[in-house]
Amino acid sequence: MFTLMKTSDLHARTITAALLGIIGLGAATGLAFAGWMEHGPGIFMSLIQSGLAWCF
Protein backbone atom coordinates (compact mmCIF):
# COMPACT_ATOMS: atom_id res chain seq x y z
CA MET A 1 0.00 0.00 0.00
CA PHE A 2 2.82 2.41 0.82
CA THR A 3 4.62 1.76 -2.47
CA LEU A 4 1.44 2.59 -4.37
CA MET A 5 1.14 5.87 -2.51
CA LYS A 6 4.80 6.73 -3.15
CA THR A 7 4.48 5.91 -6.85
CA SER A 8 1.29 7.95 -7.11
CA ASP A 9 2.97 10.88 -5.34
CA LEU A 10 5.97 10.66 -7.68
CA HIS A 11 3.67 10.53 -10.68
CA ALA A 12 1.75 13.59 -9.48
CA ARG A 13 4.98 15.51 -8.91
CA THR A 14 6.22 14.57 -12.38
CA ILE A 15 3.00 15.75 -14.00
CA THR A 16 3.06 18.98 -11.98
CA ALA A 17 6.68 19.68 -12.93
CA ALA A 18 5.95 18.96 -16.58
CA LEU A 19 2.93 21.27 -16.59
CA LEU A 20 4.89 24.05 -14.90
CA GLY A 21 7.65 23.62 -17.47
CA ILE A 22 5.20 23.80 -20.36
CA ILE A 23 3.53 26.89 -18.89
CA GLY A 24 6.92 28.54 -18.36
CA LEU A 25 8.02 27.76 -21.91
CA GLY A 26 4.74 29.10 -23.27
CA ALA A 27 5.10 32.30 -21.25
CA ALA A 28 8.68 32.81 -22.43
CA THR A 29 7.65 32.23 -26.04
CA GLY A 30 4.73 34.63 -25.70
CA LEU A 31 6.92 37.33 -24.20
CA ALA A 32 9.53 36.89 -26.94
CA PHE A 33 6.85 37.16 -29.62
CA ALA A 34 5.32 40.23 -27.97
CA GLY A 35 8.75 41.83 -27.77
CA TRP A 36 9.40 41.13 -31.43
CA MET A 37 6.02 42.61 -32.39
CA GLU A 38 6.78 45.72 -30.35
CA HIS A 39 10.40 46.25 -31.36
CA GLY A 40 10.58 44.35 -34.67
CA PRO A 41 10.85 47.37 -36.99
CA GLY A 42 13.68 48.84 -34.91
CA ILE A 43 15.52 45.52 -34.86
CA PHE A 44 15.12 45.15 -38.61
CA MET A 45 16.28 48.73 -39.26
CA SER A 46 19.42 48.15 -37.18
CA LEU A 47 20.08 44.97 -39.18
CA ILE A 48 19.68 46.93 -42.42
CA GLN A 49 22.14 49.57 -41.23
CA SER A 50 24.75 46.97 -40.33
CA GLY A 51 24.21 44.96 -43.53
CA LEU A 52 22.91 41.86 -41.78
CA ALA A 53 19.39 42.07 -43.14
CA TRP A 54 20.41 39.99 -46.14
CA CYS A 55 20.81 37.01 -43.81
CA PHE A 56 17.05 36.93 -43.28
PDB file of N, CA and C in Angstrom:
ATOM      1  N   MET A   1       0.821  -1.191   0.000  1.00  0.00           N
ATOM      2  CA  MET A   1       0.000   0.000   0.000  1.00  0.00           C
ATOM      3  C   MET A   1       0.871   1.264   0.000  1.00  0.00           C
ATOM      4  N   PHE A   2       1.955   1.232   0.751  1.00  0.00           N
ATOM      5  CA  PHE A   2       2.816   2.406   0.816  1.00  0.00           C
ATOM      6  C   PHE A   2       3.558   2.643  -0.502  1.00  0.00           C
ATOM      7  N   THR A   3       3.940   1.573  -1.199  1.00  0.00           N
ATOM      8  CA  THR A   3       4.624   1.757  -2.474  1.00  0.00           C
ATOM      9  C   THR A   3       3.680   2.363  -3.503  1.00  0.00           C
ATOM     10  N   LEU A   4       2.418   2.006  -3.462  1.00  0.00           N
ATOM     11  CA  LEU A   4       1.437   2.587  -4.369  1.00  0.00           C
ATOM     12  C   LEU A   4       1.278   4.076  -4.104  1.00  0.00           C
ATOM     13  N   MET A   5       1.270   4.456  -2.844  1.00  0.00           N
ATOM     14  CA  MET A   5       1.139   5.872  -2.507  1.00  0.00           C
ATOM     15  C   MET A   5       2.379   6.643  -2.934  1.00  0.00           C
ATOM     16  N   LYS A   6       3.574   6.071  -2.750  1.00  0.00           N
ATOM     17  CA  LYS A   6       4.803   6.734  -3.150  1.00  0.00           C
ATOM     18  C   LYS A   6       4.868   6.884  -4.665  1.00  0.00           C
ATOM     19  N   THR A   7       4.474   5.855  -5.396  1.00  0.00           N
ATOM     20  CA  THR A   7       4.479   5.915  -6.850  1.00  0.00           C
ATOM     21  C   THR A   7       3.481   6.949  -7.343  1.00  0.00           C
ATOM     22  N   SER A   8       2.315   6.985  -6.732  1.00  0.00           N
ATOM     23  CA  SER A   8       1.293   7.949  -7.110  1.00  0.00           C
ATOM     24  C   SER A   8       1.768   9.373  -6.835  1.00  0.00           C
ATOM     25  N   ASP A   9       2.442   9.567  -5.693  1.00  0.00           N
ATOM     26  CA  ASP A   9       2.966  10.883  -5.341  1.00  0.00           C
ATOM     27  C   ASP A   9       4.050  11.307  -6.329  1.00  0.00           C
ATOM     28  N   LEU A  10       4.923  10.369  -6.713  1.00  0.00           N
ATOM     29  CA  LEU A  10       5.971  10.664  -7.678  1.00  0.00           C
ATOM     30  C   LEU A  10       5.364  11.009  -9.030  1.00  0.00           C
ATOM     31  N   HIS A  11       4.349  10.282  -9.415  1.00  0.00           N
ATOM     32  CA  HIS A  11       3.671  10.532 -10.683  1.00  0.00           C
ATOM     33  C   HIS A  11       3.015  11.923 -10.676  1.00  0.00           C
ATOM     34  N   ALA A  12       2.388  12.280  -9.577  1.00  0.00           N
ATOM     35  CA  ALA A  12       1.750  13.590  -9.479  1.00  0.00           C
ATOM     36  C   ALA A  12       2.793  14.710  -9.524  1.00  0.00           C
ATOM     37  N   ARG A  13       3.923  14.500  -8.872  1.00  0.00           N
ATOM     38  CA  ARG A  13       4.983  15.507  -8.907  1.00  0.00           C
ATOM     39  C   ARG A  13       5.557  15.650 -10.307  1.00  0.00           C
ATOM     40  N   THR A  14       5.707  14.542 -11.013  1.00  0.00           N
ATOM     41  CA  THR A  14       6.225  14.574 -12.382  1.00  0.00           C
ATOM     42  C   THR A  14       5.273  15.333 -13.296  1.00  0.00           C
ATOM     43  N   ILE A  15       4.001  15.061 -13.180  1.00  0.00           N
ATOM     44  CA  ILE A  15       3.002  15.754 -13.999  1.00  0.00           C
ATOM     45  C   ILE A  15       2.980  17.241 -13.666  1.00  0.00           C
ATOM     46  N   THR A  16       3.058  17.572 -12.383  1.00  0.00           N
ATOM     47  CA  THR A  16       3.061  18.977 -11.975  1.00  0.00           C
ATOM     48  C   THR A  16       4.286  19.697 -12.510  1.00  0.00           C
ATOM     49  N   ALA A  17       5.451  19.060 -12.418  1.00  0.00           N
ATOM     50  CA  ALA A  17       6.684  19.675 -12.930  1.00  0.00           C
ATOM     51  C   ALA A  17       6.613  19.852 -14.439  1.00  0.00           C
ATOM     52  N   ALA A  18       6.073  18.867 -15.135  1.00  0.00           N
ATOM     53  CA  ALA A  18       5.948  18.962 -16.583  1.00  0.00           C
ATOM     54  C   ALA A  18       4.994  20.086 -16.977  1.00  0.00           C
ATOM     55  N   LEU A  19       3.886  20.204 -16.290  1.00  0.00           N
ATOM     56  CA  LEU A  19       2.931  21.267 -16.590  1.00  0.00           C
ATOM     57  C   LEU A  19       3.517  22.648 -16.320  1.00  0.00           C
ATOM     58  N   LEU A  20       4.249  22.775 -15.203  1.00  0.00           N
ATOM     59  CA  LEU A  20       4.889  24.054 -14.904  1.00  0.00           C
ATOM     60  C   LEU A  20       5.946  24.397 -15.942  1.00  0.00           C
ATOM     61  N   GLY A  21       6.666  23.404 -16.414  1.00  0.00           N
ATOM     62  CA  GLY A  21       7.651  23.622 -17.472  1.00  0.00           C
ATOM     63  C   GLY A  21       7.004  24.065 -18.773  1.00  0.00           C
ATOM     64  N   ILE A  22       5.911  23.436 -19.126  1.00  0.00           N
ATOM     65  CA  ILE A  22       5.196  23.798 -20.358  1.00  0.00           C
ATOM     66  C   ILE A  22       4.629  25.206 -20.248  1.00  0.00           C
ATOM     67  N   ILE A  23       4.071  25.538 -19.093  1.00  0.00           N
ATOM     68  CA  ILE A  23       3.529  26.886 -18.894  1.00  0.00           C
ATOM     69  C   ILE A  23       4.648  27.922 -18.945  1.00  0.00           C
ATOM     70  N   GLY A  24       5.781  27.620 -18.325  1.00  0.00           N
ATOM     71  CA  GLY A  24       6.924  28.541 -18.356  1.00  0.00           C
ATOM     72  C   GLY A  24       7.454  28.737 -19.764  1.00  0.00           C
ATOM     73  N   LEU A  25       7.564  27.660 -20.526  1.00  0.00           N
ATOM     74  CA  LEU A  25       8.025  27.756 -21.911  1.00  0.00           C
ATOM     75  C   LEU A  25       7.037  28.554 -22.759  1.00  0.00           C
ATOM     76  N   GLY A  26       5.756  28.340 -22.540  1.00  0.00           N
ATOM     77  CA  GLY A  26       4.740  29.100 -23.268  1.00  0.00           C
ATOM     78  C   GLY A  26       4.786  30.584 -22.931  1.00  0.00           C
ATOM     79  N   ALA A  27       5.005  30.894 -21.662  1.00  0.00           N
ATOM     80  CA  ALA A  27       5.099  32.297 -21.250  1.00  0.00           C
ATOM     81  C   ALA A  27       6.331  32.960 -21.856  1.00  0.00           C
ATOM     82  N   ALA A  28       7.464  32.254 -21.851  1.00  0.00           N
ATOM     83  CA  ALA A  28       8.684  32.814 -22.433  1.00  0.00           C
ATOM     84  C   ALA A  28       8.525  33.031 -23.935  1.00  0.00           C
ATOM     85  N   THR A  29       7.889  32.092 -24.607  1.00  0.00           N
ATOM     86  CA  THR A  29       7.655  32.231 -26.045  1.00  0.00           C
ATOM     87  C   THR A  29       6.710  33.393 -26.330  1.00  0.00           C
ATOM     88  N   GLY A  30       5.674  33.522 -25.530  1.00  0.00           N
ATOM     89  CA  GLY A  30       4.735  34.629 -25.704  1.00  0.00           C
ATOM     90  C   GLY A  30       5.385  35.980 -25.476  1.00  0.00           C
ATOM     91  N   LEU A  31       6.228  36.071 -24.459  1.00  0.00           N
ATOM     92  CA  LEU A  31       6.923  37.332 -24.202  1.00  0.00           C
ATOM     93  C   LEU A  31       7.908  37.663 -25.312  1.00  0.00           C
ATOM     94  N   ALA A  32       8.601  36.657 -25.829  1.00  0.00           N
ATOM     95  CA  ALA A  32       9.531  36.893 -26.938  1.00  0.00           C
ATOM     96  C   ALA A  32       8.775  37.372 -28.183  1.00  0.00           C
ATOM     97  N   PHE A  33       7.648  36.748 -28.466  1.00  0.00           N
ATOM     98  CA  PHE A  33       6.853  37.156 -29.622  1.00  0.00           C
ATOM     99  C   PHE A  33       6.301  38.570 -29.440  1.00  0.00           C
ATOM    100  N   ALA A  34       5.836  38.881 -28.238  1.00  0.00           N
ATOM    101  CA  ALA A  34       5.324  40.228 -27.973  1.00  0.00           C
ATOM    102  C   ALA A  34       6.434  41.262 -28.100  1.00  0.00           C
ATOM    103  N   GLY A  35       7.618  40.918 -27.624  1.00  0.00           N
ATOM    104  CA  GLY A  35       8.753  41.829 -27.766  1.00  0.00           C
ATOM    105  C   GLY A  35       9.132  42.050 -29.211  1.00  0.00           C
ATOM    106  N   TRP A  36       9.096  40.987 -30.003  1.00  0.00           N
ATOM    107  CA  TRP A  36       9.403  41.125 -31.429  1.00  0.00           C
ATOM    108  C   TRP A  36       8.342  41.984 -32.122  1.00  0.00           C
ATOM    109  N   MET A  37       7.082  41.808 -31.772  1.00  0.00           N
ATOM    110  CA  MET A  37       6.020  42.607 -32.392  1.00  0.00           C
ATOM    111  C   MET A  37       6.170  44.082 -32.015  1.00  0.00           C
ATOM    112  N   GLU A  38       6.630  44.347 -30.810  1.00  0.00           N
ATOM    113  CA  GLU A  38       6.779  45.723 -30.347  1.00  0.00           C
ATOM    114  C   GLU A  38       8.023  46.383 -30.931  1.00  0.00           C
ATOM    115  N   HIS A  39       9.126  45.657 -30.978  1.00  0.00           N
ATOM    116  CA  HIS A  39      10.404  46.247 -31.360  1.00  0.00           C
ATOM    117  C   HIS A  39      10.941  45.714 -32.691  1.00  0.00           C
ATOM    118  N   GLY A  40      10.145  44.955 -33.416  1.00  0.00           N
ATOM    119  CA  GLY A  40      10.575  44.351 -34.669  1.00  0.00           C
ATOM    120  C   GLY A  40      11.079  45.328 -35.708  1.00  0.00           C
ATOM    121  N   PRO A  41      10.352  46.422 -35.985  1.00  0.00           N
ATOM    122  CA  PRO A  41      10.850  47.369 -36.990  1.00  0.00           C
ATOM    123  C   PRO A  41      12.201  47.980 -36.611  1.00  0.00           C
ATOM    124  N   GLY A  42      12.396  48.291 -35.347  1.00  0.00           N
ATOM    125  CA  GLY A  42      13.676  48.844 -34.906  1.00  0.00           C
ATOM    126  C   GLY A  42      14.801  47.833 -35.041  1.00  0.00           C
ATOM    127  N   ILE A  43      14.509  46.578 -34.711  1.00  0.00           N
ATOM    128  CA  ILE A  43      15.515  45.522 -34.859  1.00  0.00           C
ATOM    129  C   ILE A  43      15.868  45.360 -36.328  1.00  0.00           C
ATOM    130  N   PHE A  44      14.871  45.323 -37.180  1.00  0.00           N
ATOM    131  CA  PHE A  44      15.117  45.148 -38.609  1.00  0.00           C
ATOM    132  C   PHE A  44      15.886  46.332 -39.191  1.00  0.00           C
ATOM    133  N   MET A  45      15.558  47.546 -38.764  1.00  0.00           N
ATOM    134  CA  MET A  45      16.283  48.725 -39.262  1.00  0.00           C
ATOM    135  C   MET A  45      17.747  48.694 -38.818  1.00  0.00           C
ATOM    136  N   SER A  46      18.020  48.243 -37.606  1.00  0.00           N
ATOM    137  CA  SER A  46      19.417  48.147 -37.178  1.00  0.00           C
ATOM    138  C   SER A  46      20.155  47.065 -37.965  1.00  0.00           C
ATOM    139  N   LEU A  47      19.460  45.989 -38.341  1.00  0.00           N
ATOM    140  CA  LEU A  47      20.082  44.974 -39.180  1.00  0.00           C
ATOM    141  C   LEU A  47      20.366  45.510 -40.573  1.00  0.00           C
ATOM    142  N   ILE A  48      19.467  46.322 -41.106  1.00  0.00           N
ATOM    143  CA  ILE A  48      19.685  46.926 -42.419  1.00  0.00           C
ATOM    144  C   ILE A  48      20.905  47.836 -42.381  1.00  0.00           C
ATOM    145  N   GLN A  49      21.020  48.637 -41.336  1.00  0.00           N
ATOM    146  CA  GLN A  49      22.136  49.573 -41.230  1.00  0.00           C
ATOM    147  C   GLN A  49      23.472  48.844 -41.106  1.00  0.00           C
ATOM    148  N   SER A  50      23.486  47.686 -40.477  1.00  0.00           N
ATOM    149  CA  SER A  50      24.751  46.973 -40.331  1.00  0.00           C
ATOM    150  C   SER A  50      24.984  45.971 -41.465  1.00  0.00           C
ATOM    151  N   GLY A  51      24.038  45.846 -42.379  1.00  0.00           N
ATOM    152  CA  GLY A  51      24.205  44.961 -43.529  1.00  0.00           C
ATOM    153  C   GLY A  51      23.860  43.507 -43.249  1.00  0.00           C
ATOM    154  N   LEU A  52      23.260  43.229 -42.109  1.00  0.00           N
ATOM    155  CA  LEU A  52      22.915  41.857 -41.777  1.00  0.00           C
ATOM    156  C   LEU A  52      21.515  41.453 -42.209  1.00  0.00           C
ATOM    157  N   ALA A  53      20.758  42.382 -42.748  1.00  0.00           N
ATOM    158  CA  ALA A  53      19.387  42.071 -43.135  1.00  0.00           C
ATOM    159  C   ALA A  53      19.325  41.070 -44.270  1.00  0.00           C
ATOM    160  N   TRP A  54      20.399  40.937 -45.038  1.00  0.00           N
ATOM    161  CA  TRP A  54      20.406  39.989 -46.142  1.00  0.00           C
ATOM    162  C   TRP A  54      20.423  38.543 -45.634  1.00  0.00           C
ATOM    163  N   CYS A  55      20.774  38.355 -44.374  1.00  0.00           N
ATOM    164  CA  CYS A  55      20.809  37.008 -43.807  1.00  0.00           C
ATOM    165  C   CYS A  55      19.400  36.474 -43.558  1.00  0.00           C
ATOM    166  N   PHE A  56      18.410  37.350 -43.517  1.00  0.00           N
ATOM    167  CA  PHE A  56      17.051  36.928 -43.281  1.00  0.00           C
ATOM    168  C   PHE A  56      16.337  36.938 -44.568  1.00  0.00           C
TER     169      PHE A  56
END
